């Protein structure tokens, strides 16, 4: 079981570049790419992920 208070290591390929980061399990993907990677192309609308404004294409 994942401890919600402990960062977990993940690896992502974003725009062809492999990135490794430790992240809080509650972090939204859009916040990760904005804050950790400095990529601000995805918009943040409702701050919860409900409205779909921050939708990102995954695996293709």
PDB file of N, CA and C in Angstrom:
ATOM      1  N   UNK A   1       0.840  -1.182   0.000  1.00  0.00           N
ATOM      2  CA  UNK A   1       0.000   0.000   0.000  1.00  0.00           C
ATOM      3  C   UNK A   1       0.884   1.245   0.000  1.00  0.00           C
ATOM      4  N   UNK A   2       0.467   2.252  -0.736  1.00  0.00           N
ATOM      5  CA  UNK A   2       1.223   3.494  -0.841  1.00  0.00           C
ATOM      6  C   UNK A   2       0.892   4.392   0.344  1.00  0.00           C
ATOM      7  N   UNK A   3       1.946   4.894   1.006  1.00  0.00           N
ATOM      8  CA  UNK A   3       1.773   5.845   2.093  1.00  0.00           C
ATOM      9  C   UNK A   3       1.515   7.213   1.475  1.00  0.00           C
ATOM     10  N   UNK A   4       0.355   7.832   1.715  1.00  0.00           N
ATOM     11  CA  UNK A   4       0.036   9.111   1.090  1.00  0.00           C
ATOM     12  C   UNK A   4       0.930  10.258   1.543  1.00  0.00           C
ATOM     13  N   UNK A   5       1.729  10.034   2.576  1.00  0.00           N
ATOM     14  CA  UNK A   5       2.626  11.078   3.077  1.00  0.00           C
ATOM     15  C   UNK A   5       4.055  10.910   2.588  1.00  0.00           C
ATOM     16  N   UNK A   6       4.315   9.900   1.787  1.00  0.00           N
ATOM     17  CA  UNK A   6       5.673   9.613   1.329  1.00  0.00           C
ATOM     18  C   UNK A   6       5.767   9.732  -0.188  1.00  0.00           C
ATOM     19  N   UNK A   7       6.742  10.517  -0.647  1.00  0.00           N
ATOM     20  CA  UNK A   7       6.946  10.693  -2.083  1.00  0.00           C
ATOM     21  C   UNK A   7       7.370   9.372  -2.715  1.00  0.00           C
ATOM     22  N   UNK A   8       6.916   9.139  -3.942  1.00  0.00           N
ATOM     23  CA  UNK A   8       7.273   7.920  -4.658  1.00  0.00           C
ATOM     24  C   UNK A   8       8.069   8.295  -5.913  1.00  0.00           C
ATOM     25  N   UNK A   9       9.047   7.482  -6.264  1.00  0.00           N
ATOM     26  CA  UNK A   9       9.822   7.768  -7.470  1.00  0.00           C
ATOM     27  C   UNK A   9       9.050   7.319  -8.711  1.00  0.00           C
ATOM     28  N   UNK A  10       9.018   8.171  -9.724  1.00  0.00           N
ATOM     29  CA  UNK A  10       8.398   7.818 -10.994  1.00  0.00           C
ATOM     30  C   UNK A  10       9.315   8.228 -12.138  1.00  0.00           C
ATOM     31  N   UNK A  11       9.109   7.603 -13.270  1.00  0.00           N
ATOM     32  CA  UNK A  11       9.834   7.959 -14.484  1.00  0.00           C
ATOM     33  C   UNK A  11       8.820   8.195 -15.579  1.00  0.00           C
ATOM     34  N   UNK A  12       8.928   9.331 -16.258  1.00  0.00           N
ATOM     35  CA  UNK A  12       8.033   9.693 -17.344  1.00  0.00           C
ATOM     36  C   UNK A  12       8.852  10.080 -18.557  1.00  0.00           C
ATOM     37  N   UNK A  13       8.315   9.832 -19.727  1.00  0.00           N
ATOM     38  CA  UNK A  13       8.899  10.394 -20.936  1.00  0.00           C
ATOM     39  C   UNK A  13       7.949  11.485 -21.394  1.00  0.00           C
ATOM     40  N   UNK A  14       8.435  12.719 -21.364  1.00  0.00           N
ATOM     41  CA  UNK A  14       7.615  13.876 -21.705  1.00  0.00           C
ATOM     42  C   UNK A  14       8.255  14.573 -22.891  1.00  0.00           C
ATOM     43  N   UNK A  15       7.516  14.660 -23.983  1.00  0.00           N
ATOM     44  CA  UNK A  15       8.025  15.281 -25.208  1.00  0.00           C
ATOM     45  C   UNK A  15       9.358  14.661 -25.631  1.00  0.00           C
ATOM     46  N   UNK A  16       9.462  13.336 -25.474  1.00  0.00           N
ATOM     47  CA  UNK A  16      10.656  12.609 -25.908  1.00  0.00           C
ATOM     48  C   UNK A  16      11.812  12.623 -24.926  1.00  0.00           C
ATOM     49  N   UNK A  17      11.667  13.299 -23.800  1.00  0.00           N
ATOM     50  CA  UNK A  17      12.740  13.379 -22.808  1.00  0.00           C
ATOM     51  C   UNK A  17      12.357  12.582 -21.562  1.00  0.00           C
ATOM     52  N   UNK A  18      13.253  11.661 -21.152  1.00  0.00           N
ATOM     53  CA  UNK A  18      13.011  10.863 -19.945  1.00  0.00           C
ATOM     54  C   UNK A  18      13.256  11.742 -18.727  1.00  0.00           C
ATOM     55  N   UNK A  19      12.309  11.719 -17.810  1.00  0.00           N
ATOM     56  CA  UNK A  19      12.414  12.504 -16.580  1.00  0.00           C
ATOM     57  C   UNK A  19      12.122  11.606 -15.395  1.00  0.00           C
ATOM     58  N   UNK A  20      12.937  11.742 -14.366  1.00  0.00           N
ATOM     59  CA  UNK A  20      12.756  10.993 -13.120  1.00  0.00           C
ATOM     60  C   UNK A  20      12.527  11.988 -11.998  1.00  0.00           C
ATOM     61  N   UNK A  21      11.526  11.707 -11.173  1.00  0.00           N
ATOM     62  CA  UNK A  21      11.180  12.635 -10.100  1.00  0.00           C
ATOM     63  C   UNK A  21      10.510  11.867  -8.968  1.00  0.00           C
ATOM     64  N   UNK A  22      10.669  12.365  -7.760  1.00  0.00           N
ATOM     65  CA  UNK A  22       9.928  11.845  -6.616  1.00  0.00           C
ATOM     66  C   UNK A  22       8.710  12.743  -6.435  1.00  0.00           C
ATOM     67  N   UNK A  23       7.548  12.140  -6.302  1.00  0.00           N
ATOM     68  CA  UNK A  23       6.310  12.915  -6.292  1.00  0.00           C
ATOM     69  C   UNK A  23       5.366  12.417  -5.201  1.00  0.00           C
ATOM     70  N   UNK A  24       4.650  13.353  -4.616  1.00  0.00           N
ATOM     71  CA  UNK A  24       3.598  13.035  -3.659  1.00  0.00           C
ATOM     72  C   UNK A  24       2.509  12.279  -4.421  1.00  0.00           C
ATOM     73  N   UNK A  25       2.020  11.161  -3.914  1.00  0.00           N
ATOM     74  CA  UNK A  25       1.024  10.361  -4.638  1.00  0.00           C
ATOM     75  C   UNK A  25      -0.272  11.106  -4.935  1.00  0.00           C
ATOM     76  N   UNK A  26      -0.541  12.193  -4.254  1.00  0.00           N
ATOM     77  CA  UNK A  26      -1.778  12.958  -4.472  1.00  0.00           C
ATOM     78  C   UNK A  26      -1.624  14.046  -5.534  1.00  0.00           C
ATOM     79  N   UNK A  27      -0.439  14.184  -6.103  1.00  0.00           N
ATOM     80  CA  UNK A  27      -0.172  15.237  -7.080  1.00  0.00           C
ATOM     81  C   UNK A  27      -0.868  14.946  -8.407  1.00  0.00           C
ATOM     82  N   UNK A  28      -1.570  15.931  -8.938  1.00  0.00           N
ATOM     83  CA  UNK A  28      -2.171  15.793 -10.258  1.00  0.00           C
ATOM     84  C   UNK A  28      -1.070  15.891 -11.310  1.00  0.00           C
ATOM     85  N   UNK A  29      -1.212  15.154 -12.400  1.00  0.00           N
ATOM     86  CA  UNK A  29      -0.220  15.164 -13.466  1.00  0.00           C
ATOM     87  C   UNK A  29       0.014  16.567 -13.999  1.00  0.00           C
ATOM     88  N   UNK A  30      -1.036  17.340 -14.171  1.00  0.00           N
ATOM     89  CA  UNK A  30      -0.880  18.697 -14.693  1.00  0.00           C
ATOM     90  C   UNK A  30      -0.040  19.557 -13.758  1.00  0.00           C
ATOM     91  N   UNK A  31      -0.182  19.379 -12.459  1.00  0.00           N
ATOM     92  CA  UNK A  31       0.632  20.135 -11.511  1.00  0.00           C
ATOM     93  C   UNK A  31       2.088  19.685 -11.573  1.00  0.00           C
ATOM     94  N   UNK A  32       2.309  18.398 -11.748  1.00  0.00           N
ATOM     95  CA  UNK A  32       3.676  17.888 -11.856  1.00  0.00           C
ATOM     96  C   UNK A  32       4.396  18.505 -13.053  1.00  0.00           C
ATOM     97  N   UNK A  33       3.771  18.483 -14.219  1.00  0.00           N
ATOM     98  CA  UNK A  33       4.456  19.005 -15.403  1.00  0.00           C
ATOM     99  C   UNK A  33       4.616  20.521 -15.345  1.00  0.00           C
ATOM    100  N   UNK A  34       3.689  21.211 -14.713  1.00  0.00           N
ATOM    101  CA  UNK A  34       3.821  22.656 -14.548  1.00  0.00           C
ATOM    102  C   UNK A  34       4.952  22.985 -13.578  1.00  0.00           C
ATOM    103  N   UNK A  35       4.904  22.401 -12.384  1.00  0.00           N
ATOM    104  CA  UNK A  35       5.796  22.784 -11.294  1.00  0.00           C
ATOM    105  C   UNK A  35       7.185  22.161 -11.396  1.00  0.00           C
ATOM    106  N   UNK A  36       7.273  20.894 -11.733  1.00  0.00           N
ATOM    107  CA  UNK A  36       8.558  20.204 -11.763  1.00  0.00           C
ATOM    108  C   UNK A  36       9.282  20.349 -13.097  1.00  0.00           C
ATOM    109  N   UNK A  37       8.522  20.369 -14.197  1.00  0.00           N
ATOM    110  CA  UNK A  37       9.130  20.368 -15.521  1.00  0.00           C
ATOM    111  C   UNK A  37       9.043  21.719 -16.216  1.00  0.00           C
ATOM    112  N   UNK A  38       8.275  22.661 -15.663  1.00  0.00           N
ATOM    113  CA  UNK A  38       8.160  23.980 -16.255  1.00  0.00           C
ATOM    114  C   UNK A  38       7.399  24.018 -17.564  1.00  0.00           C
ATOM    115  N   UNK A  39       6.582  23.005 -17.819  1.00  0.00           N
ATOM    116  CA  UNK A  39       5.789  22.938 -19.048  1.00  0.00           C
ATOM    117  C   UNK A  39       4.371  23.434 -18.747  1.00  0.00           C
ATOM    118  N   UNK A  40       4.022  24.573 -19.297  1.00  0.00           N
ATOM    119  CA  UNK A  40       2.759  25.200 -18.932  1.00  0.00           C
ATOM    120  C   UNK A  40       1.718  25.174 -20.051  1.00  0.00           C
ATOM    121  N   UNK A  41       1.883  24.296 -21.020  1.00  0.00           N
ATOM    122  CA  UNK A  41       0.938  24.220 -22.138  1.00  0.00           C
ATOM    123  C   UNK A  41      -0.436  23.731 -21.729  1.00  0.00           C
ATOM    124  N   UNK A  42      -0.508  22.821 -20.786  1.00  0.00           N
ATOM    125  CA  UNK A  42      -1.809  22.331 -20.311  1.00  0.00           C
ATOM    126  C   UNK A  42      -2.393  23.367 -19.354  1.00  0.00           C
ATOM    127  N   UNK A  43      -3.668  23.654 -19.522  1.00  0.00           N
ATOM    128  CA  UNK A  43      -4.338  24.643 -18.673  1.00  0.00           C
ATOM    129  C   UNK A  43      -4.920  23.987 -17.436  1.00  0.00           C
ATOM    130  N   UNK A  44      -4.930  24.728 -16.349  1.00  0.00           N
ATOM    131  CA  UNK A  44      -5.553  24.267 -15.115  1.00  0.00           C
ATOM    132  C   UNK A  44      -6.843  25.056 -14.952  1.00  0.00           C
ATOM    133  N   UNK A  45      -7.971  24.342 -14.896  1.00  0.00           N
ATOM    134  CA  UNK A  45      -9.267  25.012 -14.807  1.00  0.00           C
ATOM    135  C   UNK A  45      -9.826  25.004 -13.401  1.00  0.00           C
ATOM    136  N   UNK A  46     -10.311  23.857 -12.957  1.00  0.00           N
ATOM    137  CA  UNK A  46     -11.045  23.770 -11.696  1.00  0.00           C
ATOM    138  C   UNK A  46     -10.159  23.436 -10.495  1.00  0.00           C
ATOM    139  N   UNK A  47      -8.903  23.129 -10.720  1.00  0.00           N
ATOM    140  CA  UNK A  47      -7.942  22.754  -9.670  1.00  0.00           C
ATOM    141  C   UNK A  47      -8.190  21.377  -9.067  1.00  0.00           C
ATOM    142  N   UNK A  48      -9.157  20.625  -9.599  1.00  0.00           N
ATOM    143  CA  UNK A  48      -9.461  19.294  -9.070  1.00  0.00           C
ATOM    144  C   UNK A  48      -9.380  18.188 -10.107  1.00  0.00           C
ATOM    145  N   UNK A  49      -9.309  18.537 -11.382  1.00  0.00           N
ATOM    146  CA  UNK A  49      -9.292  17.539 -12.435  1.00  0.00           C
ATOM    147  C   UNK A  49     -10.668  17.118 -12.891  1.00  0.00           C
ATOM    148  N   UNK A  50     -11.711  17.809 -12.460  1.00  0.00           N
ATOM    149  CA  UNK A  50     -13.079  17.420 -12.810  1.00  0.00           C
ATOM    150  C   UNK A  50     -13.549  17.994 -14.144  1.00  0.00           C
ATOM    151  N   UNK A  51     -13.106  19.207 -14.483  1.00  0.00           N
ATOM    152  CA  UNK A  51     -13.674  19.879 -15.661  1.00  0.00           C
ATOM    153  C   UNK A  51     -13.050  19.433 -16.978  1.00  0.00           C
ATOM    154  N   UNK A  52     -11.855  18.837 -16.935  1.00  0.00           N
ATOM    155  CA  UNK A  52     -11.218  18.334 -18.143  1.00  0.00           C
ATOM    156  C   UNK A  52     -10.302  19.309 -18.853  1.00  0.00           C
ATOM    157  N   UNK A  53     -10.188  20.528 -18.363  1.00  0.00           N
ATOM    158  CA  UNK A  53      -9.323  21.526 -18.986  1.00  0.00           C
ATOM    159  C   UNK A  53      -7.870  21.066 -18.997  1.00  0.00           C
ATOM    160  N   UNK A  54      -7.443  20.353 -17.994  1.00  0.00           N
ATOM    161  CA  UNK A  54      -6.042  19.937 -17.861  1.00  0.00           C
ATOM    162  C   UNK A  54      -5.760  18.590 -18.516  1.00  0.00           C
ATOM    163  N   UNK A  55      -6.654  18.090 -19.337  1.00  0.00           N
ATOM    164  CA  UNK A  55      -6.477  16.800 -19.983  1.00  0.00           C
ATOM    165  C   UNK A  55      -5.179  16.733 -20.766  1.00  0.00           C
ATOM    166  N   UNK A  56      -4.445  15.630 -20.633  1.00  0.00           N
ATOM    167  CA  UNK A  56      -3.185  15.415 -21.339  1.00  0.00           C
ATOM    168  C   UNK A  56      -3.255  14.100 -22.077  1.00  0.00           C
ATOM    169  N   UNK A  57      -2.586  14.038 -23.217  1.00  0.00           N
ATOM    170  CA  UNK A  57      -2.504  12.819 -24.009  1.00  0.00           C
ATOM    171  C   UNK A  57      -1.434  11.912 -23.389  1.00  0.00           C
ATOM    172  N   UNK A  58      -1.808  10.680 -23.089  1.00  0.00           N
ATOM    173  CA  UNK A  58      -0.902   9.714 -22.467  1.00  0.00           C
ATOM    174  C   UNK A  58      -0.738   8.534 -23.404  1.00  0.00           C
ATOM    175  N   UNK A  59       0.504   8.096 -23.597  1.00  0.00           N
ATOM    176  CA  UNK A  59       0.829   6.946 -24.454  1.00  0.00           C
ATOM    177  C   UNK A  59       0.326   7.123 -25.873  1.00  0.00           C
ATOM    178  N   UNK A  60       0.630   8.244 -26.463  1.00  0.00           N
ATOM    179  CA  UNK A  60       0.309   8.416 -27.862  1.00  0.00           C
ATOM    180  C   UNK A  60      -0.392   9.671 -28.162  1.00  0.00           C
TER     181      UNK A  60
END
